[in-house]
Amino acid sequence: MAQSVKLADDVMAAVRREADLHSRSVAGQITHWLRLGKAIEQSGAYDHARVTAALDGRLDPVELREEEAIAWLDAFTEKMATPAPTEQAFFAERRKLGRGVGLDAAGNLVHAGPDAAR
C-alpha cells in the first residue's frame, strides 16, 4: 500500500536532481537511496549503534569509521540546528526580561535593548 510522507524542500530538490540525472522517477530515486542506506547500515563498515552512541556522548566521534563519521556529522549538524524545548524556553525568558541576544535578518549579532522586554 502506498503512503505519503513529507520531506523538506531541499531533500526533494536533491531527489529530483538525482532522479533526472539517472533517468529514474522520484519514487524510484527515493527507493534506490533507501536500499543503499539499508545496505550501508547492514554492512560491516557501518554500525548504526556506534553512530547513536557518539550522538549520545557515549562514544568519542574520533573512534568512528569514515562512513559512521559522515552519518554522525550529518545527524549532529541537524540536531545542533534545532534548539531543544528547554533551550527555546530559556531564550524566551531572556527575551522577556530584556536580556536576550540574537541575530538580525542579516545574521548580525544584536543585543536586546530596554524596549525588548515583552
Protein backbone atom coordinates (compact mmCIF):
# COMPACT_ATOMS: atom_id res chain seq x y z
CA MET A 1 0.00 0.00 0.00
CA ALA A 2 1.43 3.39 -0.98
CA GLN A 3 1.79 6.03 1.71
CA SER A 4 2.61 9.72 1.70
CA VAL A 5 5.45 11.29 3.64
CA LYS A 6 6.55 14.90 3.98
CA LEU A 7 10.12 15.67 3.02
CA ALA A 8 11.91 19.00 3.27
CA ASP A 9 12.08 21.10 0.10
CA ASP A 10 15.87 20.78 -0.09
CA VAL A 11 15.63 16.98 0.17
CA MET A 12 13.04 16.85 -2.60
CA ALA A 13 15.18 19.13 -4.78
CA ALA A 14 18.11 16.73 -4.34
CA VAL A 15 15.86 13.74 -5.11
CA ARG A 16 14.56 15.39 -8.28
CA ARG A 17 18.09 16.32 -9.46
CA GLU A 18 19.37 12.78 -8.95
CA ALA A 19 16.23 11.22 -10.44
CA ASP A 20 16.65 13.33 -13.60
CA LEU A 21 20.37 12.56 -13.76
CA HIS A 22 19.80 8.80 -13.56
CA SER A 23 16.54 8.66 -15.53
CA ARG A 24 14.52 7.49 -12.54
CA SER A 25 11.16 8.58 -11.22
CA VAL A 26 11.12 10.49 -7.93
CA ALA A 27 9.73 7.37 -6.21
CA GLY A 28 12.39 5.26 -7.91
CA GLN A 29 15.16 7.57 -6.69
CA ILE A 30 13.89 7.53 -3.12
CA THR A 31 13.59 3.73 -3.23
CA HIS A 32 17.13 3.49 -4.61
CA TRP A 33 18.52 5.67 -1.81
CA LEU A 34 16.57 3.70 0.79
CA ARG A 35 18.09 0.46 -0.48
CA LEU A 36 21.57 2.00 -0.45
CA GLY A 37 21.13 3.33 3.07
CA LYS A 38 19.88 -0.01 4.32
CA ALA A 39 22.82 -1.80 2.67
CA ILE A 40 25.31 0.61 4.21
CA GLU A 41 23.77 0.28 7.67
CA GLN A 42 23.90 -3.52 7.39
CA SER A 43 27.47 -3.62 6.06
CA GLY A 44 30.43 -4.33 8.27
CA ALA A 45 31.80 -0.83 7.64
CA TYR A 46 28.87 0.94 9.27
CA ASP A 47 27.37 0.35 12.69
CA HIS A 48 24.32 2.48 13.42
CA ALA A 49 24.59 1.70 17.14
CA ARG A 50 28.07 3.29 17.19
CA VAL A 51 26.74 6.43 15.47
CA THR A 52 23.91 6.60 18.01
CA ALA A 53 26.37 6.14 20.88
CA ALA A 54 28.51 9.00 19.54
CA LEU A 55 25.44 11.24 19.21
CA ASP A 56 24.51 10.34 22.80
CA GLY A 57 28.01 11.14 24.09
CA ARG A 58 28.83 7.53 25.00
CA LEU A 59 31.47 7.18 22.26
CA ASP A 60 34.06 9.71 21.13
CA PRO A 61 33.31 10.57 17.47
CA VAL A 62 37.02 10.26 16.62
CA GLU A 63 36.59 6.50 17.16
CA LEU A 64 34.04 6.23 14.33
CA ARG A 65 34.96 4.71 10.98
CA GLU A 66 34.75 7.04 7.97
CA GLU A 67 31.21 6.04 6.91
CA GLU A 68 30.00 6.30 10.52
CA ALA A 69 31.64 9.69 10.96
CA ILE A 70 29.85 11.03 7.88
CA ALA A 71 26.49 9.85 9.22
CA TRP A 72 27.33 11.20 12.69
CA LEU A 73 28.25 14.63 11.32
CA ASP A 74 25.03 14.86 9.30
CA ALA A 75 22.91 13.90 12.33
CA PHE A 76 24.92 16.13 14.70
CA THR A 77 24.59 19.14 12.40
CA GLU A 78 20.83 18.59 12.14
CA LYS A 79 20.49 18.27 15.92
CA MET A 80 22.53 21.41 16.57
CA ALA A 81 20.44 23.43 14.10
CA THR A 82 17.24 22.75 16.04
CA PRO A 83 17.01 24.11 19.60
CA ALA A 84 15.55 21.80 22.23
CA PRO A 85 12.38 22.88 24.06
CA THR A 86 14.44 23.74 27.17
CA GLU A 87 16.69 26.00 25.07
CA GLN A 88 13.68 27.68 23.48
CA ALA A 89 12.18 28.32 26.94
CA PHE A 90 15.48 29.64 28.30
CA PHE A 91 15.91 32.16 25.50
CA ALA A 92 12.23 33.15 25.54
CA GLU A 93 12.62 34.03 29.23
CA ARG A 94 15.80 36.04 28.49
CA ARG A 95 13.98 37.96 25.76
CA LYS A 96 11.07 38.60 28.12
CA LEU A 97 13.49 40.04 30.67
CA GLY A 98 15.21 42.17 28.02
CA ARG A 99 18.43 40.19 28.35
CA GLY A 100 18.27 38.37 25.06
CA VAL A 101 20.86 38.38 22.35
CA GLY A 102 20.21 37.13 18.86
CA LEU A 103 20.77 37.59 15.17
CA ASP A 104 19.02 40.06 12.92
CA ALA A 105 17.73 39.15 9.46
CA ALA A 106 21.21 39.75 8.00
CA GLY A 107 22.84 37.44 10.55
CA ASN A 108 24.42 40.24 12.60
CA LEU A 109 24.67 39.87 16.37
CA VAL A 110 22.24 42.16 18.20
CA HIS A 111 21.69 42.87 21.90
CA ALA A 112 18.30 43.38 23.46
CA GLY A 113 17.60 46.98 24.39
CA PRO A 114 15.39 48.33 27.18
CA ASP A 115 12.32 48.11 24.94
CA ALA A 116 12.93 44.40 24.22
CA ALA A 117 11.12 43.20 27.35
CA ARG A 118 7.71 41.90 26.27
